[in-house]
């Protein structure tokens, strides 16, 4: 006989009058939760473990934000002729940009290390490199201009490698230890960490404006703490299983599903997940192992590779990193009436505040809708910023430059800034995830170098306002790219995403109904 959950509860435990209404409600709620069969990986104990480990993994990624923001708070002192040693304009542009030139090396190194030594040990390498870089930045010569310049350059080159190395491991780790429903929020930890690093350094720079050595020393101390945070991390069960370390993989999977860290899997649900993953890897192992270059011919590899490279290119060409690196300078030249360092702090804070709920936003809206809203808003913000320099009507609006710059940051965070780093952990299949992620980051950082290095010359050649127009046009083209090209990955497993690229020829364009929902905000 089939009974409702409530009937079963009363049959076993008595009626509400016998136990009390409150107790009855608690029991029925508990039975309902059991009936819904919430997956182990989505229950509170498992979620807490996954979240904690992802937070610890992302501690080192904060260095990326610190490295991006350091030119904003240090260039005024570094270029001051009142200092015993200082940088000229050309040297200053190299100081600001060379980290993004070396970041592709870090991206390629990331791809190699992720597959060879695993996610955890790659994080060790990241933090050691960052500690070295911050130490060099804190201790340059104060007597020799040449030695001063070259030590700063070496420091920035090394931190650039660390930046490239930081972009993939934490996101890949988060994607592999979580279930689809939680994956979006956990992957977002990388973007939150970068945004937090930028805000922290802007805030430090607001109080310490003329001592870049002290700022670098503070960053070095933080990085040592981040290195220690890697110690308790269990390695990803996906990577362990790919290396035939079956017992360790079982321990890891048990841990991340809220069970005891045992080499024996007793729970049927976890055993089923383990068997699916193992069979998937065995099928790949049974095939002849092609090189990464050979894999580039496969649609499930080259399609996401080209899509993400394009997304990274538009991310940089729209001026997102330029605004981060030159925040104080752009705020001053755009006519911001408040303290430009305070404007930088507002920019950083806006990015952190916007990034934190992005996991919910991307799950609620989907990746494509968030990207379209983001790029449309960025286009409007940049055109308003350019118009403020041209039209007296706009110049009469109080605080318009501040509003436009902060809006640009908030709206970019809603999509174009976040999506490339977010989706890099979703789109690539397991067999090429390491090298493909590394190559994608390398291309993205190369575009970042071009934009940051060329920006001062671009501004001198066409003017500040025309530069804003250029960024606005690139943002609009990014919206078209997302509209036509970007796939939707919301609530899909990693294997489903891979299969979609392999077999699906479906159109990438949003339907008319979906477009109406985008602009109606549904």
Protein backbone atom coordinates (compact mmCIF):
# COMPACT_ATOMS: atom_id res chain seq x y z
CA UNK A 1 0.00 0.00 0.00
CA UNK A 2 1.36 3.43 -0.96
CA UNK A 3 1.19 5.98 1.80
CA UNK A 4 2.03 9.68 1.74
CA UNK A 5 5.11 10.74 3.65
CA UNK A 6 2.92 12.36 6.31
CA UNK A 7 0.86 9.15 6.71
CA UNK A 8 3.99 7.08 7.09
CA UNK A 9 5.28 9.48 9.72
CA UNK A 10 2.06 9.27 11.72
CA UNK A 11 1.87 5.50 11.38
CA UNK A 12 5.39 5.11 12.74
CA UNK A 13 5.53 7.94 15.26
CA UNK A 14 1.96 8.68 16.28
CA UNK A 15 -0.44 11.49 15.53
CA UNK A 16 0.28 15.21 16.04
CA UNK A 17 -1.94 15.28 19.13
CA UNK A 18 0.17 12.52 20.71
CA UNK A 19 3.49 14.23 20.09
CA UNK A 20 2.74 17.93 19.77
CA UNK A 21 2.31 19.98 16.62
CA UNK A 22 5.87 21.36 16.55
CA UNK A 23 7.50 17.97 16.85
CA UNK A 24 5.17 16.55 14.22
CA UNK A 25 6.15 19.33 11.77
CA UNK A 26 9.87 18.70 12.32
CA UNK A 27 9.47 14.97 11.69
CA UNK A 28 7.40 15.48 8.52
CA UNK A 29 9.92 18.03 7.20
CA UNK A 30 12.71 15.57 7.85
CA UNK A 31 10.88 12.78 6.03
CA UNK A 32 10.19 15.13 3.13
CA UNK A 33 13.90 15.91 2.83
CA UNK A 34 14.64 12.21 2.71
CA UNK A 35 11.92 11.68 0.11
CA UNK A 36 13.42 14.38 -2.11
CA UNK A 37 16.75 12.53 -2.03
CA UNK A 38 19.03 15.53 -1.88
CA UNK A 39 22.36 14.35 -3.36
CA UNK A 40 25.10 13.85 -0.77
CA UNK A 41 27.30 16.40 -2.54
CA UNK A 42 24.62 19.08 -2.04
CA UNK A 43 23.98 18.41 1.64
CA UNK A 44 25.34 20.83 4.22
CA UNK A 45 28.35 18.82 5.42
CA UNK A 46 29.60 18.21 1.89
CA UNK A 47 28.92 21.80 0.81
CA UNK A 48 30.85 23.18 3.79
CA UNK A 49 33.83 20.97 2.97
CA UNK A 50 33.81 21.90 -0.69
CA UNK A 51 33.45 25.61 0.05
CA UNK A 52 36.21 25.64 2.66
CA UNK A 53 38.69 23.83 0.43
CA UNK A 54 37.91 26.12 -2.52
CA UNK A 55 38.40 29.18 -0.30
CA UNK A 56 41.78 27.87 0.84
CA UNK A 57 42.77 27.07 -2.75
CA UNK A 58 41.88 30.60 -3.84
CA UNK A 59 43.91 32.34 -1.14
CA UNK A 60 46.91 32.37 -3.47
CA UNK A 61 44.81 33.68 -6.36
CA UNK A 62 44.39 36.97 -4.47
CA UNK A 63 47.95 37.73 -5.61
CA UNK A 64 46.61 38.21 -9.15
CA UNK A 65 44.45 41.10 -7.96
CA UNK A 66 47.32 42.52 -5.93
CA UNK A 67 49.63 42.34 -8.96
CA UNK A 68 47.08 44.00 -11.29
CA UNK A 69 46.48 46.88 -8.87
CA UNK A 70 50.05 47.66 -7.76
CA UNK A 71 50.78 50.08 -10.68
CA UNK A 72 47.75 52.19 -9.72
CA UNK A 73 49.03 52.84 -6.19
CA UNK A 74 52.78 52.96 -6.91
CA UNK A 75 53.32 54.74 -10.25
CA UNK A 76 53.05 58.21 -8.73
CA UNK A 77 56.00 57.49 -6.43
CA UNK A 78 57.92 55.42 -9.00
CA UNK A 79 57.81 58.23 -11.58
CA UNK A 80 58.43 61.12 -9.17
CA UNK A 81 61.65 63.00 -9.95
CA UNK A 82 61.87 63.89 -6.26
CA UNK A 83 62.82 60.29 -5.50
CA UNK A 84 66.52 59.29 -5.53
CA UNK A 85 65.76 56.74 -8.28
CA UNK A 86 62.68 56.78 -10.51
CA UNK A 87 61.22 55.48 -13.77
CA UNK A 88 60.72 57.44 -16.98
CA UNK A 89 57.47 57.16 -18.94
CA UNK A 90 58.63 54.27 -21.09
CA UNK A 91 59.96 52.33 -18.12
CA UNK A 92 56.74 52.99 -16.22
CA UNK A 93 54.64 51.53 -19.07
CA UNK A 94 56.83 48.40 -19.05
CA UNK A 95 56.46 48.16 -15.27
CA UNK A 96 52.67 48.31 -15.62
CA UNK A 97 52.42 45.83 -18.51
CA UNK A 98 55.24 43.28 -18.40
CA UNK A 99 53.42 41.04 -15.92
CA UNK A 100 50.73 40.42 -18.55
CA UNK A 101 53.45 39.62 -21.11
CA UNK A 102 54.83 36.86 -18.88
CA UNK A 103 51.37 35.64 -17.85
CA UNK A 104 51.06 33.46 -20.99
CA UNK A 105 54.15 31.58 -19.77
CA UNK A 106 52.32 31.00 -16.51
CA UNK A 107 49.25 29.86 -18.42
CA UNK A 108 51.26 27.33 -20.42
CA UNK A 109 53.08 26.23 -17.28
CA UNK A 110 49.71 25.83 -15.59
CA UNK A 111 48.55 23.45 -18.30
CA UNK A 112 51.69 21.36 -17.92
CA UNK A 113 51.68 21.27 -14.12
CA UNK A 114 47.96 20.61 -13.70
CA UNK A 115 48.24 17.32 -15.53
CA UNK A 116 51.73 16.34 -14.38
CA UNK A 117 51.79 17.15 -10.66
CA UNK A 118 48.12 17.81 -9.87
CA UNK A 119 45.98 20.71 -8.70
CA UNK A 120 47.36 20.95 -5.16
CA UNK A 121 51.06 20.98 -6.05
CA UNK A 122 50.41 23.54 -8.80
CA UNK A 123 49.05 25.83 -6.08
CA UNK A 124 52.29 25.34 -4.14
CA UNK A 125 54.30 26.47 -7.17
CA UNK A 126 52.02 29.49 -7.62
CA UNK A 127 52.53 30.72 -4.07
CA UNK A 128 56.30 30.20 -4.06
CA UNK A 129 56.63 32.24 -7.27
CA UNK A 130 54.46 35.03 -5.83
CA UNK A 131 56.51 35.16 -2.61
CA UNK A 132 59.69 35.52 -4.70
CA UNK A 133 58.17 38.32 -6.78
CA UNK A 134 56.90 40.37 -3.83
CA UNK A 135 60.26 39.99 -2.06
CA UNK A 136 62.07 41.41 -5.11
CA UNK A 137 59.59 44.29 -5.38
CA UNK A 138 60.12 45.18 -1.72
CA UNK A 139 63.93 45.28 -1.94
CA UNK A 140 65.11 47.17 -5.07
CA UNK A 141 68.22 49.36 -5.10
CA UNK A 142 67.78 52.92 -3.84
CA UNK A 143 71.02 54.21 -5.39
CA UNK A 144 71.35 52.75 -8.89
CA UNK A 145 68.62 53.69 -11.36
CA UNK A 146 69.49 50.82 -13.69
CA UNK A 147 69.52 48.19 -10.93
CA UNK A 148 66.31 49.68 -9.53
CA UNK A 149 64.51 49.43 -12.88
CA UNK A 150 65.67 45.89 -13.71
CA UNK A 151 64.81 44.47 -10.30
CA UNK A 152 61.31 45.95 -10.54
CA UNK A 153 61.00 44.48 -14.03
CA UNK A 154 62.12 41.01 -12.92
CA UNK A 155 59.71 41.15 -10.01
CA UNK A 156 56.82 42.06 -12.28
CA UNK A 157 57.83 39.39 -14.80
CA UNK A 158 57.76 36.68 -12.10
CA UNK A 159 54.45 37.86 -10.64
CA UNK A 160 53.08 37.71 -14.19
CA UNK A 161 54.01 34.04 -14.40
CA UNK A 162 52.24 33.53 -11.07
CA UNK A 163 49.16 35.34 -12.45
CA UNK A 164 48.99 33.03 -15.44
CA UNK A 165 49.52 30.05 -13.17
CA UNK A 166 46.73 31.22 -10.82
CA UNK A 167 43.96 31.50 -13.38
CA UNK A 168 43.20 27.79 -13.86
CA UNK A 169 44.06 25.50 -10.87
CA UNK A 170 41.49 26.74 -8.37
CA UNK A 171 38.68 26.84 -10.91
CA UNK A 172 39.51 23.38 -12.26
CA UNK A 173 39.74 22.08 -8.69
CA UNK A 174 36.35 23.59 -7.80
CA UNK A 175 34.71 22.16 -10.94
CA UNK A 176 36.03 18.67 -10.26
CA UNK A 177 35.10 18.34 -6.58
CA UNK A 178 31.53 19.69 -6.90
CA UNK A 179 28.19 18.70 -8.41
CA UNK A 180 26.61 20.77 -11.23
CA UNK A 181 24.23 22.70 -8.94
CA UNK A 182 27.11 24.02 -6.81
CA UNK A 183 29.78 24.21 -9.49
CA UNK A 184 28.96 27.74 -10.60
CA UNK A 185 29.24 29.27 -7.13
CA UNK A 186 32.47 27.45 -6.32
CA UNK A 187 34.21 28.23 -9.62
CA UNK A 188 33.39 31.88 -8.98
CA UNK A 189 35.86 31.83 -6.09
CA UNK A 190 38.68 32.64 -8.52
CA UNK A 191 37.00 35.82 -9.76
CA UNK A 192 36.07 36.87 -6.23
CA UNK A 193 39.67 36.37 -5.11
CA UNK A 194 41.04 38.51 -7.93
CA UNK A 195 38.49 41.26 -7.23
CA UNK A 196 39.27 41.08 -3.51
CA UNK A 197 43.01 41.38 -4.20
CA UNK A 198 42.43 44.51 -6.29
CA UNK A 199 40.26 46.10 -3.61
CA UNK A 200 42.70 45.23 -0.81
CA UNK A 201 45.59 46.88 -2.65
CA UNK A 202 43.56 49.95 -3.61
CA UNK A 203 42.64 50.31 0.07
CA UNK A 204 46.25 49.89 1.20
CA UNK A 205 47.30 52.47 -1.40
CA UNK A 206 44.74 54.94 -0.08
CA UNK A 207 46.52 54.95 3.29
CA UNK A 208 50.11 54.26 2.12
CA UNK A 209 50.61 56.49 -0.91
CA UNK A 210 54.38 56.96 -0.99
CA UNK A 211 55.95 53.68 0.15
CA UNK A 212 55.63 50.95 -2.47
CA UNK A 213 58.29 48.90 -0.65
CA UNK A 214 56.10 48.61 2.44
CA UNK A 215 53.10 47.68 0.28
CA UNK A 216 55.14 44.93 -1.41
CA UNK A 217 56.29 43.63 1.98
CA UNK A 218 52.66 43.41 3.18
CA UNK A 219 51.81 41.45 0.02
CA UNK A 220 54.74 39.10 0.65
CA UNK A 221 53.56 38.34 4.19
CA UNK A 222 50.08 37.63 2.89
CA UNK A 223 51.45 35.25 0.25
CA UNK A 224 53.28 33.21 2.89
CA UNK A 225 49.94 32.77 4.67
CA UNK A 226 48.35 31.70 1.39
CA UNK A 227 51.06 29.06 0.92
CA UNK A 228 50.27 27.55 4.33
CA UNK A 229 46.57 27.41 3.39
CA UNK A 230 47.32 24.89 0.63
CA UNK A 231 48.54 22.27 3.15
CA UNK A 232 45.13 20.84 4.23
CA UNK A 233 43.73 20.55 0.65
CA UNK A 234 42.83 17.02 -0.52
CA UNK A 235 43.79 16.43 -4.16
CA UNK A 236 40.96 16.28 -6.72
CA UNK A 237 39.56 12.75 -7.08
CA UNK A 238 39.31 13.25 -10.86
CA UNK A 239 43.03 13.87 -11.18
CA UNK A 240 43.93 11.07 -8.75
CA UNK A 241 41.81 8.61 -10.68
CA UNK A 242 43.32 9.74 -13.99
CA UNK A 243 46.73 8.82 -12.50
CA UNK A 244 45.44 5.38 -11.37
CA UNK A 245 45.69 6.38 -7.69
CA UNK A 246 42.37 4.68 -6.97
CA UNK A 247 42.55 4.42 -3.17
CA UNK A 248 43.40 8.10 -2.77
CA UNK A 249 40.67 9.03 -5.26
CA UNK A 250 38.08 7.15 -3.17
CA UNK A 251 39.22 8.95 -0.01
CA UNK A 252 38.95 12.31 -1.76
CA UNK A 253 35.50 11.62 -3.20
CA UNK A 254 34.21 10.35 0.15
CA UNK A 255 35.49 13.50 1.84
CA UNK A 256 33.88 15.89 -0.66
CA UNK A 257 30.56 14.05 -0.40
CA UNK A 258 30.45 14.52 3.36
CA UNK A 259 31.57 11.01 4.34
CA UNK A 260 34.55 9.68 6.27
CA UNK A 261 37.87 9.83 4.46
CA UNK A 262 37.97 6.11 3.69
CA UNK A 263 39.50 4.16 0.82
CA UNK A 264 36.29 2.12 0.71
CA UNK A 265 33.10 3.61 -0.75
CA UNK A 266 30.08 2.27 1.12
CA UNK A 267 27.38 4.68 -0.03
CA UNK A 268 25.63 3.63 -3.25
CA UNK A 269 25.24 7.17 -4.56
CA UNK A 270 28.94 7.95 -4.19
CA UNK A 271 29.87 4.56 -5.61
CA UNK A 272 27.74 5.25 -8.67
CA UNK A 273 29.41 8.62 -9.20
CA UNK A 274 32.84 7.04 -8.78
CA UNK A 275 32.03 4.25 -11.26
CA UNK A 276 30.75 6.71 -13.88
CA UNK A 277 33.91 8.77 -13.58
CA UNK A 278 36.11 5.66 -13.66
CA UNK A 279 34.37 4.25 -16.74
CA UNK A 280 34.69 7.59 -18.51
CA UNK A 281 38.42 7.65 -17.82
CA UNK A 282 38.82 3.99 -18.77
CA UNK A 283 37.17 4.60 -22.12
CA UNK A 284 39.64 7.39 -22.76
CA UNK A 285 42.55 5.26 -21.58
CA UNK A 286 41.40 2.45 -23.88
CA UNK A 287 41.79 4.77 -26.81
CA UNK A 288 45.17 5.59 -28.25
CA UNK A 289 46.37 8.61 -26.31
CA UNK A 290 46.73 11.41 -28.84
CA UNK A 291 48.90 14.44 -28.30
CA UNK A 292 47.34 17.78 -27.44
CA UNK A 293 47.99 18.95 -31.01
CA UNK A 294 46.07 15.93 -32.31
CA UNK A 295 43.21 16.67 -29.91
CA UNK A 296 42.89 20.16 -31.40
CA UNK A 297 41.17 18.53 -34.37
CA UNK A 298 38.32 17.31 -32.16
CA UNK A 299 35.19 19.53 -32.05
CA UNK A 300 34.92 19.17 -28.26
CA UNK A 301 38.41 20.72 -28.03
CA UNK A 302 38.78 23.29 -30.79
CA UNK A 303 35.27 24.75 -30.45
CA UNK A 304 35.55 25.73 -26.77
CA UNK A 305 39.17 26.79 -27.36
CA UNK A 306 38.22 29.26 -30.09
CA UNK A 307 35.18 30.49 -28.16
CA UNK A 308 37.15 31.19 -24.99
CA UNK A 309 40.04 32.81 -26.85
CA UNK A 310 37.55 35.14 -28.51
CA UNK A 311 35.90 35.88 -25.17
CA UNK A 312 39.26 36.69 -23.56
CA UNK A 313 40.20 38.93 -26.50
CA UNK A 314 37.00 40.97 -26.16
CA UNK A 315 37.46 41.09 -22.39
CA UNK A 316 40.80 42.87 -22.83
CA UNK A 317 39.91 45.02 -25.85
CA UNK A 318 36.91 46.44 -23.97
CA UNK A 319 39.34 48.05 -21.49
CA UNK A 320 38.52 46.06 -18.35
CA UNK A 321 42.14 45.47 -17.31
CA UNK A 322 43.18 48.96 -18.48
CA UNK A 323 40.72 50.51 -16.01
CA UNK A 324 42.04 48.23 -13.24
CA UNK A 325 45.72 49.00 -13.87
CA UNK A 326 45.31 52.75 -14.49
CA UNK A 327 42.35 53.38 -12.17
CA UNK A 328 43.78 56.45 -10.41
CA UNK A 329 45.18 57.96 -13.62
CA UNK A 330 41.96 57.42 -15.60
CA UNK A 331 39.85 58.81 -12.76
CA UNK A 332 41.99 61.96 -12.66
CA UNK A 333 41.98 62.52 -16.44
CA UNK A 334 38.26 61.76 -16.79
CA UNK A 335 37.49 64.70 -14.51
CA UNK A 336 36.49 62.82 -11.37
CA UNK A 337 35.93 65.45 -8.69
CA UNK A 338 36.64 63.22 -5.66
CA UNK A 339 40.01 61.91 -4.47
CA UNK A 340 41.17 59.60 -7.32
CA UNK A 341 42.49 57.08 -4.77
CA UNK A 342 39.04 57.02 -3.18
CA UNK A 343 37.54 56.51 -6.64
CA UNK A 344 39.89 53.53 -7.07
CA UNK A 345 38.70 52.10 -3.76
CA UNK A 346 35.09 52.53 -4.91
CA UNK A 347 35.95 50.72 -8.15
CA UNK A 348 37.49 47.83 -6.26
CA UNK A 349 34.66 47.64 -3.75
CA UNK A 350 32.06 47.69 -6.52
CA UNK A 351 33.80 44.76 -8.21
CA UNK A 352 33.90 42.66 -5.02
CA UNK A 353 30.28 43.42 -4.12
CA UNK A 354 29.15 42.54 -7.64
CA UNK A 355 31.28 39.40 -7.91
CA UNK A 356 30.04 37.78 -4.69
CA UNK A 357 26.46 37.04 -5.89
CA UNK A 358 27.62 36.10 -9.41
CA UNK A 359 27.19 32.39 -8.68
CA UNK A 360 23.47 33.01 -8.08
CA UNK A 361 23.22 35.41 -11.03
CA UNK A 362 24.82 32.98 -13.48
CA UNK A 363 22.61 30.15 -12.28
CA UNK A 364 19.48 32.33 -12.39
CA UNK A 365 20.11 34.12 -15.68
CA UNK A 366 22.44 31.69 -17.40
CA UNK A 367 25.86 32.54 -18.83
CA UNK A 368 24.67 34.08 -22.08
CA UNK A 369 22.00 36.38 -20.67
CA UNK A 370 24.42 37.69 -18.04
CA UNK A 371 27.02 38.31 -20.76
CA UNK A 372 24.60 40.24 -22.98
CA UNK A 373 23.36 42.48 -20.16
CA UNK A 374 26.96 43.07 -19.06
CA UNK A 375 28.35 44.09 -22.46
CA UNK A 376 25.35 46.27 -23.30
CA UNK A 377 25.80 48.18 -20.03
CA UNK A 378 29.57 48.49 -20.57
CA UNK A 379 28.94 50.01 -24.00
CA UNK A 380 26.60 52.64 -22.55
CA UNK A 381 28.99 53.44 -19.67
CA UNK A 382 31.97 54.04 -21.96
CA UNK A 383 29.97 56.18 -24.37
CA UNK A 384 28.71 58.28 -21.44
CA UNK A 385 32.29 58.71 -20.23
CA UNK A 386 33.37 59.86 -23.70
CA UNK A 387 30.32 62.13 -24.02
CA UNK A 388 31.18 63.81 -20.72
CA UNK A 389 34.35 65.14 -22.34
CA UNK A 390 32.51 66.44 -25.40
CA UNK A 391 29.09 67.77 -24.39
CA UNK A 392 28.39 70.51 -21.87
CA UNK A 393 24.99 68.97 -21.11
CA UNK A 394 26.65 65.84 -19.76
CA UNK A 395 29.31 67.89 -17.97
CA UNK A 396 26.57 69.51 -15.91
CA UNK A 397 25.53 66.14 -14.43
CA UNK A 398 27.18 65.81 -10.99
CA UNK A 399 29.58 62.90 -10.52
CA UNK A 400 28.85 61.47 -13.99
CA UNK A 401 32.46 60.25 -14.53
CA UNK A 402 32.43 58.44 -11.17
CA UNK A 403 29.02 56.91 -11.94
CA UNK A 404 30.13 55.85 -15.44
CA UNK A 405 33.42 54.29 -14.30
CA UNK A 406 31.87 52.43 -11.35
CA UNK A 407 28.96 51.31 -13.55
CA UNK A 408 31.43 50.00 -16.11
CA UNK A 409 33.16 47.97 -13.40
CA UNK A 410 29.89 46.63 -11.96
CA UNK A 411 28.46 45.70 -15.36
CA UNK A 412 31.71 44.12 -16.59
CA UNK A 413 31.75 41.98 -13.45
CA UNK A 414 28.22 40.79 -14.24
CA UNK A 415 29.52 39.11 -17.38
CA UNK A 416 32.53 39.87 -19.54
CA UNK A 417 35.08 40.12 -16.74
CA UNK A 418 33.82 36.99 -14.96
CA UNK A 419 32.69 34.67 -17.75
CA UNK A 420 36.04 33.78 -19.41
CA UNK A 421 37.60 32.69 -16.10
CA UNK A 422 34.35 31.06 -15.04
CA UNK A 423 33.78 29.05 -18.20
CA UNK A 424 37.39 27.96 -18.66
CA UNK A 425 36.70 25.37 -15.95
CA UNK A 426 33.51 24.16 -17.65
CA UNK A 427 34.08 23.90 -21.38
CA UNK A 428 37.19 21.75 -21.80
CA UNK A 429 37.08 17.94 -21.57
CA UNK A 430 39.13 16.21 -18.87
CA UNK A 431 41.76 14.83 -21.27
CA UNK A 432 42.90 18.31 -22.37
CA UNK A 433 41.65 20.48 -19.51
CA UNK A 434 45.14 21.32 -18.25
CA UNK A 435 46.92 22.30 -21.49
CA UNK A 436 43.79 23.82 -23.06
CA UNK A 437 43.18 26.01 -19.99
CA UNK A 438 46.82 27.06 -20.02
CA UNK A 439 46.80 27.95 -23.71
CA UNK A 440 43.57 29.93 -23.36
CA UNK A 441 44.90 31.94 -20.43
CA UNK A 442 48.13 32.54 -22.37
CA UNK A 443 46.21 34.09 -25.25
CA UNK A 444 44.06 36.14 -22.88
CA UNK A 445 47.04 37.52 -21.02
CA UNK A 446 48.82 38.35 -24.28
CA UNK A 447 45.85 40.53 -25.23
CA UNK A 448 46.02 42.06 -21.75
CA UNK A 449 49.69 42.96 -22.30
CA UNK A 450 48.92 44.60 -25.65
CA UNK A 451 46.11 46.68 -24.20
CA UNK A 452 47.91 47.81 -21.03
CA UNK A 453 51.22 48.56 -22.82
CA UNK A 454 49.62 50.38 -25.75
CA UNK A 455 47.02 52.35 -23.75
CA UNK A 456 49.30 55.33 -22.91
CA UNK A 457 50.25 55.63 -26.61
CA UNK A 458 46.63 55.15 -27.70
CA UNK A 459 45.54 57.94 -25.36
CA UNK A 460 48.27 60.23 -26.69
CA UNK A 461 47.40 59.46 -30.32
CA UNK A 462 43.60 59.66 -30.39
CA UNK A 463 42.79 61.30 -27.06
CA UNK A 464 41.13 60.10 -23.88
CA UNK A 465 37.55 60.44 -25.13
CA UNK A 466 38.19 58.55 -28.37
CA UNK A 467 39.87 55.82 -26.31
CA UNK A 468 36.63 55.48 -24.33
CA UNK A 469 34.70 55.23 -27.61
CA UNK A 470 37.04 52.45 -28.75
CA UNK A 471 36.37 50.50 -25.54
CA UNK A 472 32.64 51.06 -26.01
CA UNK A 473 32.73 49.71 -29.58
CA UNK A 474 34.66 46.64 -28.42
CA UNK A 475 32.07 46.06 -25.69
CA UNK A 476 29.31 46.19 -28.31
CA UNK A 477 31.14 43.67 -30.51
CA UNK A 478 31.56 41.46 -27.45
CA UNK A 479 27.77 41.53 -27.01
CA UNK A 480 27.35 40.33 -30.61
CA UNK A 481 29.92 37.57 -30.02
CA UNK A 482 28.08 36.32 -26.93
CA UNK A 483 24.72 36.53 -28.72
CA UNK A 484 25.83 34.42 -31.68
CA UNK A 485 28.61 32.18 -30.39
CA UNK A 486 28.67 31.52 -26.63
CA UNK A 487 27.03 28.23 -25.52
CA UNK A 488 24.85 27.94 -22.43
CA UNK A 489 26.30 25.62 -19.75
CA UNK A 490 23.93 26.29 -16.88
CA UNK A 491 22.96 23.12 -14.98
CA UNK A 492 24.86 20.82 -17.31
CA UNK A 493 27.43 18.31 -16.10
CA UNK A 494 30.96 18.52 -17.47
CA UNK A 495 30.37 15.33 -19.48
CA UNK A 496 27.15 16.76 -20.96
CA UNK A 497 28.96 19.94 -22.02
CA UNK A 498 31.68 17.87 -23.69
CA UNK A 499 29.09 15.78 -25.52
CA UNK A 500 27.28 18.91 -26.67
CA UNK A 501 30.39 20.18 -28.44
CA UNK A 502 31.06 16.74 -29.90
CA UNK A 503 27.64 16.11 -31.39
CA UNK A 504 25.44 19.18 -31.31
CA UNK A 505 25.02 21.41 -34.30
CA UNK A 506 22.36 23.51 -32.60
CA UNK A 507 22.23 27.21 -33.20
CA UNK A 508 23.94 29.36 -30.60
CA UNK A 509 21.59 32.29 -31.12
CA UNK A 510 19.08 33.22 -28.46
CA UNK A 511 15.45 32.85 -29.38
CA UNK A 512 13.16 35.86 -29.59
CA UNK A 513 11.52 34.84 -26.32
CA UNK A 514 14.90 34.61 -24.59
CA UNK A 515 15.90 38.04 -25.91
CA UNK A 516 12.67 39.54 -24.56
CA UNK A 517 13.47 38.00 -21.19
CA UNK A 518 16.98 39.50 -21.30
CA UNK A 519 15.78 43.04 -21.74
CA UNK A 520 12.72 42.68 -19.50
CA UNK A 521 15.05 41.40 -16.76
CA UNK A 522 13.12 38.17 -16.17
